[in-house]
C-alpha atoms as a PDB file:
ATOM      1  CA  MET A   1     -78.693 -38.073  25.238  1.00  0.00           C
ATOM      2  CA  ILE A   2     -75.776 -38.550  23.374  1.00  0.00           C
ATOM      3  CA  LEU A   3     -77.382 -36.809  20.005  1.00  0.00           C
ATOM      4  CA  SER A   4     -78.687 -34.030  21.622  1.00  0.00           C
ATOM      5  CA  GLY A   5     -74.815 -33.551  23.096  1.00  0.00           C
ATOM      6  CA  ALA A   6     -74.017 -33.484  19.473  1.00  0.00           C
ATOM      7  CA  CYS A   7     -76.417 -31.346  18.498  1.00  0.00           C
ATOM      8  CA  LEU A   8     -75.704 -28.622  21.370  1.00  0.00           C
ATOM      9  CA  PHE A   9     -71.948 -28.911  19.882  1.00  0.00           C
ATOM     10  CA  MET A  10     -73.189 -28.171  17.055  1.00  0.00           C
ATOM     11  CA  ALA A  11     -75.414 -24.990  17.715  1.00  0.00           C
ATOM     12  CA  ILE A  12     -72.120 -23.693  19.371  1.00  0.00           C
ATOM     13  CA  MET A  13     -70.198 -24.565  16.765  1.00  0.00           C
ATOM     14  CA  SER A  14     -72.328 -23.054  13.685  1.00  0.00           C
ATOM     15  CA  THR A  15     -72.826 -19.737  15.873  1.00  0.00           C
ATOM     16  CA  ALA A  16     -69.024 -19.631  16.284  1.00  0.00           C
ATOM     17  CA  PHE A  17     -68.365 -20.252  12.328  1.00  0.00           C
ATOM     18  CA  GLY A  18     -71.352 -18.001  11.559  1.00  0.00           C
ATOM     19  CA  GLN A  19     -69.153 -15.003  13.545  1.00  0.00           C
ATOM     20  CA  VAL A  20     -65.995 -15.714  12.140  1.00  0.00           C
ATOM     21  CA  PHE A  21     -67.329 -16.070   8.611  1.00  0.00           C
ATOM     22  CA  TYR A  22     -69.217 -12.653   8.678  1.00  0.00           C
ATOM     23  CA  LYS A  23     -66.143 -10.893  10.335  1.00  0.00           C
ATOM     24  CA  LYS A  24     -64.297 -12.418   7.054  1.00  0.00           C
ATOM     25  CA  TYR A  25     -67.240 -11.069   4.816  1.00  0.00           C
ATOM     26  CA  SER A  26     -66.782  -7.316   6.585  1.00  0.00           C
ATOM     27  CA  LEU A  27     -62.815  -7.593   5.891  1.00  0.00           C
ATOM     28  CA  ASP A  28     -62.855  -8.931   2.000  1.00  0.00           C
ATOM     29  CA  LYS A  29     -66.803  -8.509   0.697  1.00  0.00           C
ATOM     30  CA  ARG A  30     -66.943 -11.810  -0.862  1.00  0.00           C
ATOM     31  CA  GLN A  31     -70.154 -13.164  -1.317  1.00  0.00           C
ATOM     32  CA  ALA A  32     -69.231 -16.593  -0.657  1.00  0.00           C
ATOM     33  CA  TYR A  33     -68.322 -15.501   3.120  1.00  0.00           C
ATOM     34  CA  LEU A  34     -71.809 -13.844   3.484  1.00  0.00           C
ATOM     35  CA  ALA A  35     -73.579 -17.191   2.356  1.00  0.00           C
ATOM     36  CA  LEU A  36     -71.534 -19.045   4.917  1.00  0.00           C
ATOM     37  CA  THR A  37     -72.486 -16.678   7.253  1.00  0.00           C
ATOM     38  CA  LEU A  38     -76.472 -17.013   6.698  1.00  0.00           C
ATOM     39  CA  GLY A  39     -75.853 -20.674   6.274  1.00  0.00           C
ATOM     40  CA  PHE A  40     -74.166 -21.044   9.804  1.00  0.00           C
ATOM     41  CA  PHE A  41     -76.651 -19.046  11.366  1.00  0.00           C
ATOM     42  CA  LEU A  42     -79.806 -20.364   9.636  1.00  0.00           C
ATOM     43  CA  ILE A  43     -79.055 -24.066  10.860  1.00  0.00           C
ATOM     44  CA  ASN A  44     -78.383 -23.052  14.228  1.00  0.00           C
ATOM     45  CA  PRO A  45     -81.923 -22.839  15.602  1.00  0.00           C
ATOM     46  CA  VAL A  46     -82.264 -26.616  14.083  1.00  0.00           C
ATOM     47  CA  PHE A  47     -79.256 -27.968  16.200  1.00  0.00           C
ATOM     48  CA  SER A  48     -80.915 -25.960  19.259  1.00  0.00           C
ATOM     49  CA  PHE A  49     -84.472 -27.235  18.710  1.00  0.00           C
ATOM     50  CA  LEU A  50     -83.084 -30.896  18.405  1.00  0.00           C
ATOM     51  CA  ALA A  51     -80.381 -29.779  21.601  1.00  0.00           C
ATOM     52  CA  LEU A  52     -83.579 -29.024  23.806  1.00  0.00           C
ATOM     53  CA  LYS A  53     -85.114 -32.208  23.038  1.00  0.00           C
ATOM     54  CA  ASN A  54     -83.405 -33.769  26.046  1.00  0.00           C
ATOM     55  CA  ILE A  55     -81.522 -31.491  27.661  1.00  0.00           C
ATOM     56  CA  SER A  56     -82.848 -28.854  29.664  1.00  0.00           C
ATOM     57  CA  VAL A  57     -83.233 -25.240  28.937  1.00  0.00           C
ATOM     58  CA  ASP A  58     -81.051 -24.025  31.514  1.00  0.00           C
ATOM     59  CA  ILE A  59     -78.212 -26.145  30.830  1.00  0.00           C
ATOM     60  CA  VAL A  60     -78.029 -25.583  26.429  1.00  0.00           C
ATOM     61  CA  TYR A  61     -78.707 -21.675  27.474  1.00  0.00           C
ATOM     62  CA  VAL A  62     -75.597 -21.459  30.092  1.00  0.00           C
ATOM     63  CA  SER A  63     -73.754 -23.772  27.756  1.00  0.00           C
ATOM     64  CA  THR A  64     -74.038 -21.179  24.592  1.00  0.00           C
ATOM     65  CA  SER A  65     -71.926 -19.211  26.594  1.00  0.00           C
ATOM     66  CA  LEU A  66     -69.111 -21.109  25.389  1.00  0.00           C
ATOM     67  CA  THR A  67     -69.232 -19.546  22.056  1.00  0.00           C
ATOM     68  CA  ILE A  68     -66.878 -16.900  23.314  1.00  0.00           C
ATOM     69  CA  LEU A  69     -64.413 -19.349  23.594  1.00  0.00           C
ATOM     70  CA  THR A  70     -65.278 -21.115  20.612  1.00  0.00           C
ATOM     71  CA  VAL A  71     -64.978 -18.020  18.410  1.00  0.00           C
ATOM     72  CA  ALA A  72     -61.821 -16.779  20.156  1.00  0.00           C
ATOM     73  CA  VAL A  73     -59.732 -20.086  19.146  1.00  0.00           C
ATOM     74  CA  LEU A  74     -61.067 -19.723  15.353  1.00  0.00           C
ATOM     75  CA  SER A  75     -60.613 -16.505  14.831  1.00  0.00           C
ATOM     76  CA  ARG A  76     -57.115 -16.960  16.188  1.00  0.00           C
ATOM     77  CA  ILE A  77     -56.827 -20.028  13.571  1.00  0.00           C
ATOM     78  CA  PHE A  78     -58.805 -18.377  10.207  1.00  0.00           C
ATOM     79  CA  LEU A  79     -58.210 -14.731  10.753  1.00  0.00           C
ATOM     80  CA  GLY A  80     -55.003 -14.418  12.925  1.00  0.00           C
ATOM     81  CA  GLU A  81     -56.275 -12.483  15.363  1.00  0.00           C
ATOM     82  CA  ILE A  82     -54.077 -11.943  18.698  1.00  0.00           C
ATOM     83  CA  ILE A  83     -56.601 -12.634  21.542  1.00  0.00           C
ATOM     84  CA  PRO A  84     -55.352 -10.490  24.716  1.00  0.00           C
ATOM     85  CA  THR A  85     -54.538 -12.308  27.886  1.00  0.00           C
ATOM     86  CA  ARG A  86     -57.568  -9.890  29.335  1.00  0.00           C
ATOM     87  CA  THR A  87     -59.541 -11.720  27.287  1.00  0.00           C
ATOM     88  CA  TRP A  88     -58.396 -14.897  27.698  1.00  0.00           C
ATOM     89  CA  ALA A  89     -58.832 -14.699  31.602  1.00  0.00           C
ATOM     90  CA  ALA A  90     -62.475 -13.413  31.049  1.00  0.00           C
ATOM     91  CA  ILE A  91     -62.983 -16.731  29.116  1.00  0.00           C
ATOM     92  CA  ALA A  92     -61.487 -18.869  31.904  1.00  0.00           C
ATOM     93  CA  ILE A  93     -64.293 -17.007  34.418  1.00  0.00           C
ATOM     94  CA  ILE A  94     -66.785 -18.061  31.576  1.00  0.00           C
ATOM     95  CA  VAL A  95     -65.740 -21.509  31.551  1.00  0.00           C
ATOM     96  CA  ALA A  96     -65.535 -21.697  35.158  1.00  0.00           C
ATOM     97  CA  GLY A  97     -69.094 -20.401  35.708  1.00  0.00           C
ATOM     98  CA  VAL A  98     -70.126 -23.415  32.948  1.00  0.00           C
ATOM     99  CA  VAL A  99     -68.818 -25.890  35.081  1.00  0.00           C
ATOM    100  CA  ILE A 100     -69.731 -24.897  38.140  1.00  0.00           C
ATOM    101  CA  TYR A 101     -73.198 -24.550  36.823  1.00  0.00           C
ATOM    102  CA  ALA A 102     -73.377 -27.876  35.478  1.00  0.00           C
ATOM    103  CA  PHE A 103     -72.002 -29.762  38.351  1.00  0.00           C
END
């Protein structure tokens, strides 16, 4: 179960990093960013599959909605983007929904 939880975490992180690196690629067209984007997006299904071995599909599916939180934080760190208050409010609602669903 711990391995599946780690795989779910890695699936969320690989999606988020793929999105951030794709934005980096769109800003300055460096091929390294495109390669990283493709790498993260290609490894994501592997982590998702491994997570589904011991975690039900409904929990995995709902948990992937946390990707927006991860992308917002990574965008702030790596891209210097300002995240509007309205976005943080929406993220809080999503996180609350995930917590309510999980319990």
